[in-house]
Amino acid sequence: MGFPKTVGALEITNKVFKKQGIKIPLANQSTVTEATRFDDGFKVQGEIFGAEHIAAMHKNSPAHQKHIANYLSEFCFGDTYTRNGLDLQMRELITLCAISTIGGAEPQVKAHVQANLNVGNDKELMLDAVTQCLPYIGFPRTLNAIACINQIIPANA
């Protein structure tokens, strides 16, 4: 979704927390350090998508694009997925919904549909979650997400 949208969402979240009497800032949930974030992220990314696949992605990235693969492992999976508070199933479900809101990210939506399956979430749960996004993201993006789910998990599966 990007940092600007995330900051906006956090501002709203903080207002709701304050209204509900939830003390902010919340306790730090980080489990990595600057020195471990790549390795820890690479490990959890491999647990979700397959270690061989992630290793191949890094190995086959052109030299001038390796920083993107590294940052994906470090930031998305090292800094974020390794945090306390949510299990991998919930993180993947939230990621699927978040990426579905973007539009034009169908390859990533499909990858995270498969990732949801890999961590134990089923098609019905994914469809339910994306359906809950409908009022916020509209029919086109919801239908695109559902089409991605159906492509990865055919009706007969």
C-alpha atoms as a PDB file:
ATOM      1  CA  MET A   1       0.000   0.000   0.000  1.00  0.00           C
ATOM      2  CA  GLY A   2       2.946   2.326   0.572  1.00  0.00           C
ATOM      3  CA  PHE A   3       3.966   4.507   3.457  1.00  0.00           C
ATOM      4  CA  PRO A   4       1.621   7.472   2.809  1.00  0.00           C
ATOM      5  CA  LYS A   5      -1.502   5.272   3.002  1.00  0.00           C
ATOM      6  CA  THR A   6      -0.073   3.422   5.992  1.00  0.00           C
ATOM      7  CA  VAL A   7       0.617   6.658   7.867  1.00  0.00           C
ATOM      8  CA  GLY A   8      -2.940   7.806   7.169  1.00  0.00           C
ATOM      9  CA  ALA A   9      -4.333   4.512   8.451  1.00  0.00           C
ATOM     10  CA  LEU A  10      -2.180   4.690  11.575  1.00  0.00           C
ATOM     11  CA  GLU A  11      -3.388   8.211  12.314  1.00  0.00           C
ATOM     12  CA  ILE A  12      -6.984   6.969  12.253  1.00  0.00           C
ATOM     13  CA  THR A  13      -6.064   3.888  14.284  1.00  0.00           C
ATOM     14  CA  ASN A  14      -4.359   6.032  16.927  1.00  0.00           C
ATOM     15  CA  LYS A  15      -7.457   8.264  17.205  1.00  0.00           C
ATOM     16  CA  VAL A  16      -9.651   5.196  17.725  1.00  0.00           C
ATOM     17  CA  PHE A  17      -7.210   3.766  20.268  1.00  0.00           C
ATOM     18  CA  LYS A  18      -7.188   7.036  22.219  1.00  0.00           C
ATOM     19  CA  LYS A  19     -10.982   7.175  22.153  1.00  0.00           C
ATOM     20  CA  GLN A  20     -11.118   3.591  23.460  1.00  0.00           C
ATOM     21  CA  GLY A  21      -8.560   4.327  26.178  1.00  0.00           C
ATOM     22  CA  ILE A  22      -5.841   2.161  24.667  1.00  0.00           C
ATOM     23  CA  LYS A  23      -2.453   3.545  25.656  1.00  0.00           C
ATOM     24  CA  ILE A  24      -0.210   4.416  22.723  1.00  0.00           C
ATOM     25  CA  PRO A  25       2.410   3.885  21.624  1.00  0.00           C
ATOM     26  CA  LEU A  26       1.866   0.158  21.878  1.00  0.00           C
ATOM     27  CA  ALA A  27       4.688  -2.050  23.127  1.00  0.00           C
ATOM     28  CA  ASN A  28       7.353  -2.794  20.538  1.00  0.00           C
ATOM     29  CA  GLN A  29       6.636  -6.130  18.824  1.00  0.00           C
ATOM     30  CA  SER A  30       9.893  -6.330  16.867  1.00  0.00           C
ATOM     31  CA  THR A  31      11.958  -9.505  17.121  1.00  0.00           C
ATOM     32  CA  VAL A  32      14.795  -8.630  14.713  1.00  0.00           C
ATOM     33  CA  THR A  33      17.799  -6.362  14.755  1.00  0.00           C
ATOM     34  CA  GLU A  34      19.509  -4.573  11.895  1.00  0.00           C
ATOM     35  CA  ALA A  35      21.982  -7.473  11.816  1.00  0.00           C
ATOM     36  CA  THR A  36      19.325 -10.244  11.730  1.00  0.00           C
ATOM     37  CA  ARG A  37      16.470  -8.757   9.731  1.00  0.00           C
ATOM     38  CA  PHE A  38      17.573 -10.188   6.365  1.00  0.00           C
ATOM     39  CA  ASP A  39      18.265 -13.713   7.645  1.00  0.00           C
ATOM     40  CA  ASP A  40      15.108 -13.829   9.772  1.00  0.00           C
ATOM     41  CA  GLY A  41      13.022 -12.404   6.937  1.00  0.00           C
ATOM     42  CA  PHE A  42      14.536 -14.801   4.399  1.00  0.00           C
ATOM     43  CA  LYS A  43      13.713 -17.692   6.733  1.00  0.00           C
ATOM     44  CA  VAL A  44      10.039 -16.768   7.260  1.00  0.00           C
ATOM     45  CA  GLN A  45       9.644 -15.895   3.583  1.00  0.00           C
ATOM     46  CA  GLY A  46      10.958 -19.373   2.772  1.00  0.00           C
ATOM     47  CA  GLU A  47       8.550 -20.956   5.248  1.00  0.00           C
ATOM     48  CA  ILE A  48       5.645 -19.308   3.443  1.00  0.00           C
ATOM     49  CA  PHE A  49       6.672 -19.500  -0.220  1.00  0.00           C
ATOM     50  CA  GLY A  50       9.203 -22.338  -0.171  1.00  0.00           C
ATOM     51  CA  ALA A  51      12.872 -21.919   0.697  1.00  0.00           C
ATOM     52  CA  GLU A  52      14.007 -23.082  -2.746  1.00  0.00           C
ATOM     53  CA  HIS A  53      11.783 -20.526  -4.477  1.00  0.00           C
ATOM     54  CA  ILE A  54      13.058 -17.645  -2.341  1.00  0.00           C
ATOM     55  CA  ALA A  55      16.686 -18.714  -2.752  1.00  0.00           C
ATOM     56  CA  ALA A  56      16.174 -18.862  -6.534  1.00  0.00           C
ATOM     57  CA  MET A  57      14.536 -15.413  -6.533  1.00  0.00           C
ATOM     58  CA  HIS A  58      17.592 -13.953  -4.824  1.00  0.00           C
ATOM     59  CA  LYS A  59      20.063 -15.885  -6.969  1.00  0.00           C
ATOM     60  CA  ASN A  60      18.340 -14.993 -10.255  1.00  0.00           C
ATOM     61  CA  SER A  61      17.740 -11.300  -9.554  1.00  0.00           C
ATOM     62  CA  PRO A  62      19.808  -9.153 -11.918  1.00  0.00           C
ATOM     63  CA  ALA A  63      22.642  -7.368 -10.103  1.00  0.00           C
ATOM     64  CA  HIS A  64      20.982  -3.958 -10.478  1.00  0.00           C
ATOM     65  CA  GLN A  65      17.747  -5.323  -8.961  1.00  0.00           C
ATOM     66  CA  LYS A  66      19.092  -7.413  -6.049  1.00  0.00           C
ATOM     67  CA  HIS A  67      18.374  -4.562  -3.671  1.00  0.00           C
ATOM     68  CA  ILE A  68      14.622  -5.057  -4.268  1.00  0.00           C
ATOM     69  CA  ALA A  69      14.750  -8.781  -3.445  1.00  0.00           C
ATOM     70  CA  ASN A  70      16.868  -8.010  -0.382  1.00  0.00           C
ATOM     71  CA  TYR A  71      14.535  -5.268   0.781  1.00  0.00           C
ATOM     72  CA  LEU A  72      11.532  -7.543   0.318  1.00  0.00           C
ATOM     73  CA  SER A  73      13.149 -10.125   2.593  1.00  0.00           C
ATOM     74  CA  GLU A  74      14.428  -7.537   5.091  1.00  0.00           C
ATOM     75  CA  PHE A  75      11.482  -5.202   5.377  1.00  0.00           C
ATOM     76  CA  CYS A  76       8.315  -7.077   4.439  1.00  0.00           C
ATOM     77  CA  PHE A  77       9.279 -10.361   6.017  1.00  0.00           C
ATOM     78  CA  GLY A  78      12.091  -9.526   8.459  1.00  0.00           C
ATOM     79  CA  ASP A  79      10.756  -6.331   9.991  1.00  0.00           C
ATOM     80  CA  THR A  80       7.054  -7.129   9.621  1.00  0.00           C
ATOM     81  CA  TYR A  81       6.285 -10.851   9.435  1.00  0.00           C
ATOM     82  CA  THR A  82       8.563 -11.751  12.344  1.00  0.00           C
ATOM     83  CA  ARG A  83       6.828  -9.380  14.784  1.00  0.00           C
ATOM     84  CA  ASN A  84       4.924 -10.706  17.739  1.00  0.00           C
ATOM     85  CA  GLY A  85       1.155 -10.279  17.977  1.00  0.00           C
ATOM     86  CA  LEU A  86      -0.162 -12.053  14.869  1.00  0.00           C
ATOM     87  CA  ASP A  87       0.442 -15.547  13.538  1.00  0.00           C
ATOM     88  CA  LEU A  88       1.418 -16.234   9.920  1.00  0.00           C
ATOM     89  CA  GLN A  89      -2.138 -17.176   8.958  1.00  0.00           C
ATOM     90  CA  MET A  90      -3.503 -13.806  10.050  1.00  0.00           C
ATOM     91  CA  ARG A  91      -0.561 -11.876   8.573  1.00  0.00           C
ATOM     92  CA  GLU A  92      -1.084 -13.574   5.210  1.00  0.00           C
ATOM     93  CA  LEU A  93      -4.820 -12.940   5.251  1.00  0.00           C
ATOM     94  CA  ILE A  94      -4.247  -9.260   6.047  1.00  0.00           C
ATOM     95  CA  THR A  95      -1.572  -9.063   3.343  1.00  0.00           C
ATOM     96  CA  LEU A  96      -3.953 -10.569   0.789  1.00  0.00           C
ATOM     97  CA  CYS A  97      -6.584  -7.981   1.647  1.00  0.00           C
ATOM     98  CA  ALA A  98      -4.113  -5.092   1.682  1.00  0.00           C
ATOM     99  CA  ILE A  99      -2.618  -5.980  -1.691  1.00  0.00           C
ATOM    100  CA  SER A 100      -6.104  -6.459  -3.137  1.00  0.00           C
ATOM    101  CA  THR A 101      -6.877  -2.818  -2.310  1.00  0.00           C
ATOM    102  CA  ILE A 102      -4.071  -1.498  -4.483  1.00  0.00           C
ATOM    103  CA  GLY A 103      -5.334  -2.450  -7.929  1.00  0.00           C
ATOM    104  CA  GLY A 104      -2.987  -3.550 -10.675  1.00  0.00           C
ATOM    105  CA  ALA A 105      -1.200  -5.922  -8.309  1.00  0.00           C
ATOM    106  CA  GLU A 106      -2.822  -9.154  -9.457  1.00  0.00           C
ATOM    107  CA  PRO A 107       0.473 -11.107  -9.700  1.00  0.00           C
ATOM    108  CA  GLN A 108       1.136 -10.281  -6.043  1.00  0.00           C
ATOM    109  CA  VAL A 109      -2.477 -11.085  -5.103  1.00  0.00           C
ATOM    110  CA  LYS A 110      -2.078 -14.514  -6.717  1.00  0.00           C
ATOM    111  CA  ALA A 111       1.219 -15.084  -4.916  1.00  0.00           C
ATOM    112  CA  HIS A 112      -0.439 -14.283  -1.609  1.00  0.00           C
ATOM    113  CA  VAL A 113      -3.425 -16.508  -2.373  1.00  0.00           C
ATOM    114  CA  GLN A 114      -0.913 -19.344  -2.696  1.00  0.00           C
ATOM    115  CA  ALA A 115       0.871 -18.148   0.434  1.00  0.00           C
ATOM    116  CA  ASN A 116      -2.447 -18.219   2.322  1.00  0.00           C
ATOM    117  CA  LEU A 117      -2.923 -21.828   1.252  1.00  0.00           C
ATOM    118  CA  ASN A 118       0.646 -22.611   2.296  1.00  0.00           C
ATOM    119  CA  VAL A 119       0.058 -21.317   5.835  1.00  0.00           C
ATOM    120  CA  GLY A 120      -3.291 -23.108   6.209  1.00  0.00           C
ATOM    121  CA  ASN A 121      -5.937 -20.574   5.197  1.00  0.00           C
ATOM    122  CA  ASP A 122      -8.619 -21.994   2.917  1.00  0.00           C
ATOM    123  CA  LYS A 123     -10.477 -20.545  -0.054  1.00  0.00           C
ATOM    124  CA  GLU A 124     -13.643 -19.837   1.938  1.00  0.00           C
ATOM    125  CA  LEU A 125     -11.733 -17.753   4.492  1.00  0.00           C
ATOM    126  CA  MET A 126      -9.988 -15.769   1.748  1.00  0.00           C
ATOM    127  CA  LEU A 127     -13.292 -15.118  -0.041  1.00  0.00           C
ATOM    128  CA  ASP A 128     -14.899 -14.042   3.243  1.00  0.00           C
ATOM    129  CA  ALA A 129     -12.030 -11.657   3.994  1.00  0.00           C
ATOM    130  CA  VAL A 130     -12.018 -10.092   0.534  1.00  0.00           C
ATOM    131  CA  THR A 131     -15.811  -9.760   0.689  1.00  0.00           C
ATOM    132  CA  GLN A 132     -15.438  -7.743   3.904  1.00  0.00           C
ATOM    133  CA  CYS A 133     -13.193  -5.331   1.965  1.00  0.00           C
ATOM    134  CA  LEU A 134     -15.885  -4.650  -0.664  1.00  0.00           C
ATOM    135  CA  PRO A 135     -17.392  -1.485   0.863  1.00  0.00           C
ATOM    136  CA  TYR A 136     -13.913   0.027   1.172  1.00  0.00           C
ATOM    137  CA  ILE A 137     -12.305  -1.001  -2.119  1.00  0.00           C
ATOM    138  CA  GLY A 138     -15.287  -1.275  -4.464  1.00  0.00           C
ATOM    139  CA  PHE A 139     -16.495  -3.962  -6.808  1.00  0.00           C
ATOM    140  CA  PRO A 140     -13.704  -3.833  -9.430  1.00  0.00           C
ATOM    141  CA  ARG A 141     -10.881  -4.541  -6.972  1.00  0.00           C
ATOM    142  CA  THR A 142     -12.959  -7.054  -5.043  1.00  0.00           C
ATOM    143  CA  LEU A 143     -13.855  -8.902  -8.244  1.00  0.00           C
ATOM    144  CA  ASN A 144     -10.200  -8.838  -9.340  1.00  0.00           C
ATOM    145  CA  ALA A 145      -9.161 -10.364  -6.011  1.00  0.00           C
ATOM    146  CA  ILE A 146     -11.851 -13.038  -6.276  1.00  0.00           C
ATOM    147  CA  ALA A 147     -10.718 -13.830  -9.827  1.00  0.00           C
ATOM    148  CA  CYS A 148      -7.159 -14.283  -8.525  1.00  0.00           C
ATOM    149  CA  ILE A 149      -8.399 -16.591  -5.771  1.00  0.00           C
ATOM    150  CA  ASN A 150     -10.382 -18.618  -8.318  1.00  0.00           C
ATOM    151  CA  GLN A 151      -7.381 -18.864 -10.658  1.00  0.00           C
ATOM    152  CA  ILE A 152      -5.159 -20.247  -7.929  1.00  0.00           C
ATOM    153  CA  ILE A 153      -7.876 -22.396  -6.346  1.00  0.00           C
ATOM    154  CA  PRO A 154     -10.264 -23.588  -9.077  1.00  0.00           C
ATOM    155  CA  ALA A 155     -13.895 -24.211  -8.189  1.00  0.00           C
ATOM    156  CA  ASN A 156     -13.401 -27.982  -8.266  1.00  0.00           C
ATOM    157  CA  ALA A 157     -10.430 -27.884  -5.902  1.00  0.00           C
END
